[in-house]
N, C-alpha and C. Protein backbone atom coordinates (compact mmCIF):
# COMPACT_ATOMS: atom_id res chain seq x y z
N UNK A 1 18.49 -4.53 3.93
CA UNK A 1 17.56 -5.18 4.84
C UNK A 1 16.58 -6.02 4.01
N UNK A 2 16.31 -7.22 4.46
CA UNK A 2 15.41 -8.11 3.75
C UNK A 2 13.95 -7.78 4.06
N UNK A 3 13.08 -8.22 3.18
CA UNK A 3 11.65 -7.98 3.34
C UNK A 3 11.17 -8.40 4.71
N UNK A 4 11.57 -9.60 5.14
CA UNK A 4 11.11 -10.12 6.42
C UNK A 4 11.48 -9.18 7.56
N UNK A 5 12.67 -8.61 7.50
CA UNK A 5 13.13 -7.71 8.55
C UNK A 5 12.37 -6.38 8.53
N UNK A 6 12.08 -5.89 7.33
CA UNK A 6 11.36 -4.63 7.20
C UNK A 6 9.94 -4.76 7.74
N UNK A 7 9.25 -5.81 7.35
CA UNK A 7 7.87 -6.00 7.81
C UNK A 7 7.84 -6.16 9.33
N UNK A 8 8.72 -6.98 9.87
CA UNK A 8 8.77 -7.19 11.31
C UNK A 8 9.08 -5.90 12.05
N UNK A 9 10.06 -5.17 11.56
CA UNK A 9 10.47 -3.93 12.21
C UNK A 9 9.35 -2.89 12.21
N UNK A 10 8.74 -2.70 11.06
CA UNK A 10 7.66 -1.70 10.96
C UNK A 10 6.44 -2.12 11.79
N UNK A 11 6.13 -3.40 11.77
CA UNK A 11 4.99 -3.89 12.57
C UNK A 11 5.25 -3.63 14.06
N UNK A 12 6.45 -3.92 14.50
CA UNK A 12 6.79 -3.70 15.91
C UNK A 12 6.80 -2.21 16.27
N UNK A 13 7.30 -1.38 15.37
CA UNK A 13 7.31 0.06 15.62
C UNK A 13 5.91 0.61 15.82
N UNK A 14 4.95 0.02 15.11
CA UNK A 14 3.56 0.47 15.22
C UNK A 14 2.83 -0.23 16.36
N UNK A 15 3.49 -1.17 17.01
CA UNK A 15 2.87 -1.87 18.13
C UNK A 15 1.76 -2.82 17.72
N UNK A 16 1.85 -3.35 16.51
CA UNK A 16 0.84 -4.27 16.01
C UNK A 16 1.26 -5.72 16.23
N UNK A 17 0.32 -6.56 16.57
CA UNK A 17 0.58 -8.00 16.63
C UNK A 17 0.49 -8.55 15.21
N UNK A 18 0.96 -9.77 15.02
CA UNK A 18 0.81 -10.39 13.71
C UNK A 18 -0.67 -10.50 13.35
N UNK A 19 -1.49 -10.83 14.33
CA UNK A 19 -2.93 -10.97 14.11
C UNK A 19 -3.55 -9.64 13.66
N UNK A 20 -3.16 -8.55 14.31
CA UNK A 20 -3.70 -7.23 13.95
C UNK A 20 -3.28 -6.83 12.54
N UNK A 21 -2.02 -7.05 12.20
CA UNK A 21 -1.56 -6.73 10.85
C UNK A 21 -2.28 -7.60 9.83
N UNK A 22 -2.44 -8.87 10.15
CA UNK A 22 -3.12 -9.79 9.24
C UNK A 22 -4.54 -9.31 8.95
N UNK A 23 -5.27 -8.94 9.97
CA UNK A 23 -6.63 -8.47 9.78
C UNK A 23 -6.66 -7.20 8.94
N UNK A 24 -5.69 -6.32 9.15
CA UNK A 24 -5.65 -5.05 8.42
C UNK A 24 -5.41 -5.24 6.93
N UNK A 25 -4.71 -6.32 6.56
CA UNK A 25 -4.41 -6.54 5.14
C UNK A 25 -5.11 -7.80 4.59
N UNK A 26 -6.09 -8.30 5.35
CA UNK A 26 -6.97 -9.38 4.88
C UNK A 26 -6.24 -10.69 4.56
N UNK A 27 -5.30 -11.05 5.44
CA UNK A 27 -4.62 -12.34 5.32
C UNK A 27 -4.67 -13.03 6.67
N UNK A 28 -4.13 -14.22 6.74
CA UNK A 28 -4.08 -14.93 8.02
C UNK A 28 -2.84 -14.52 8.82
N UNK A 29 -2.88 -14.78 10.10
CA UNK A 29 -1.72 -14.53 10.94
C UNK A 29 -0.54 -15.38 10.46
N UNK A 30 -0.85 -16.57 9.96
CA UNK A 30 0.20 -17.45 9.47
C UNK A 30 0.91 -16.86 8.25
N UNK A 31 0.17 -16.14 7.41
CA UNK A 31 0.78 -15.49 6.25
C UNK A 31 1.79 -14.44 6.71
N UNK A 32 1.41 -13.65 7.71
CA UNK A 32 2.34 -12.64 8.25
C UNK A 32 3.57 -13.34 8.84
N UNK A 33 3.35 -14.41 9.55
CA UNK A 33 4.46 -15.16 10.12
C UNK A 33 5.40 -15.67 9.03
N UNK A 34 4.84 -16.18 7.93
CA UNK A 34 5.67 -16.67 6.82
C UNK A 34 6.48 -15.54 6.19
N UNK A 35 5.88 -14.34 6.07
CA UNK A 35 6.64 -13.19 5.54
C UNK A 35 7.80 -12.88 6.46
N UNK A 36 7.51 -12.83 7.76
CA UNK A 36 8.54 -12.43 8.73
C UNK A 36 9.62 -13.50 8.92
N UNK A 37 9.30 -14.73 8.58
CA UNK A 37 10.30 -15.80 8.63
C UNK A 37 11.07 -15.93 7.32
N UNK A 38 10.63 -15.18 6.31
CA UNK A 38 11.29 -15.23 5.01
C UNK A 38 10.88 -16.40 4.15
N UNK A 39 9.79 -17.08 4.52
CA UNK A 39 9.33 -18.23 3.74
C UNK A 39 8.63 -17.81 2.46
N UNK A 40 7.88 -16.70 2.51
CA UNK A 40 7.16 -16.17 1.35
C UNK A 40 7.24 -14.65 1.38
N UNK A 41 6.76 -14.03 0.31
CA UNK A 41 6.65 -12.57 0.27
C UNK A 41 5.22 -12.21 -0.10
N UNK A 42 4.77 -11.04 0.31
CA UNK A 42 3.40 -10.62 -0.03
C UNK A 42 3.24 -10.40 -1.53
N UNK A 43 2.02 -10.64 -2.02
CA UNK A 43 1.75 -10.35 -3.43
C UNK A 43 1.57 -8.83 -3.61
N UNK A 44 1.44 -8.40 -4.84
CA UNK A 44 1.40 -6.97 -5.15
C UNK A 44 0.20 -6.28 -4.49
N UNK A 45 -0.96 -6.90 -4.54
CA UNK A 45 -2.14 -6.28 -3.92
C UNK A 45 -1.95 -6.14 -2.40
N UNK A 46 -1.37 -7.14 -1.79
CA UNK A 46 -1.12 -7.08 -0.35
C UNK A 46 -0.05 -6.04 -0.03
N UNK A 47 0.92 -5.89 -0.91
CA UNK A 47 1.93 -4.85 -0.71
C UNK A 47 1.28 -3.47 -0.66
N UNK A 48 0.28 -3.25 -1.49
CA UNK A 48 -0.41 -1.96 -1.49
C UNK A 48 -1.07 -1.71 -0.13
N UNK A 49 -1.73 -2.74 0.39
CA UNK A 49 -2.36 -2.61 1.71
C UNK A 49 -1.31 -2.43 2.80
N UNK A 50 -0.24 -3.20 2.72
CA UNK A 50 0.82 -3.08 3.72
C UNK A 50 1.42 -1.68 3.74
N UNK A 51 1.58 -1.10 2.56
CA UNK A 51 2.18 0.24 2.51
C UNK A 51 1.32 1.24 3.26
N UNK A 52 0.01 1.09 3.17
CA UNK A 52 -0.89 2.00 3.89
C UNK A 52 -0.86 1.75 5.38
N UNK A 53 -0.96 0.49 5.77
CA UNK A 53 -1.00 0.13 7.19
C UNK A 53 0.33 0.45 7.88
N UNK A 54 1.45 0.20 7.20
CA UNK A 54 2.76 0.40 7.80
C UNK A 54 3.32 1.81 7.57
N UNK A 55 2.56 2.63 6.89
CA UNK A 55 2.94 4.04 6.65
C UNK A 55 4.25 4.20 5.90
N UNK A 56 4.42 3.38 4.86
CA UNK A 56 5.58 3.52 3.97
C UNK A 56 5.07 3.50 2.54
N UNK A 57 5.87 3.99 1.63
CA UNK A 57 5.44 4.01 0.23
C UNK A 57 5.49 2.59 -0.34
N UNK A 58 4.66 2.36 -1.33
CA UNK A 58 4.68 1.08 -2.03
C UNK A 58 6.04 0.88 -2.67
N UNK A 59 6.67 1.96 -3.12
CA UNK A 59 7.99 1.85 -3.73
C UNK A 59 9.03 1.34 -2.73
N UNK A 60 8.91 1.76 -1.50
CA UNK A 60 9.84 1.29 -0.48
C UNK A 60 9.71 -0.22 -0.31
N UNK A 61 8.50 -0.71 -0.18
CA UNK A 61 8.29 -2.15 -0.02
C UNK A 61 8.65 -2.90 -1.29
N UNK A 62 8.29 -2.36 -2.44
CA UNK A 62 8.57 -3.03 -3.70
C UNK A 62 10.06 -3.10 -3.96
N UNK A 63 10.79 -2.05 -3.63
CA UNK A 63 12.23 -2.03 -3.80
C UNK A 63 12.90 -3.05 -2.91
N UNK A 64 12.40 -3.16 -1.70
CA UNK A 64 12.98 -4.11 -0.75
C UNK A 64 12.87 -5.53 -1.25
N UNK A 65 11.74 -5.89 -1.87
CA UNK A 65 11.57 -7.27 -2.33
C UNK A 65 12.03 -7.46 -3.79
N UNK A 66 12.47 -6.38 -4.42
CA UNK A 66 13.01 -6.50 -5.76
C UNK A 66 11.99 -6.48 -6.87
N UNK A 67 10.80 -5.94 -6.63
CA UNK A 67 9.80 -5.84 -7.68
C UNK A 67 10.24 -4.75 -8.65
N UNK A 68 10.23 -5.05 -9.93
CA UNK A 68 10.60 -4.06 -10.95
C UNK A 68 9.39 -3.21 -11.30
N UNK A 69 9.59 -1.92 -11.43
CA UNK A 69 8.50 -0.99 -11.76
C UNK A 69 8.33 -0.90 -13.25
């Protein structure tokens, strides 16, 4: 599963709008949209926040986008 699919799926499972997720991780709604469209990926600091908000480990998100530990 690609990063865009994981973020979209988890966001929907939690019932969050793009705007709500954006506010929770201190980015714009457009940034979330770009992640979910596969145009960009979140940076490492944002991944840490996403892992908390989406209730998944940072390793899960990092593995999905191919970040080496």
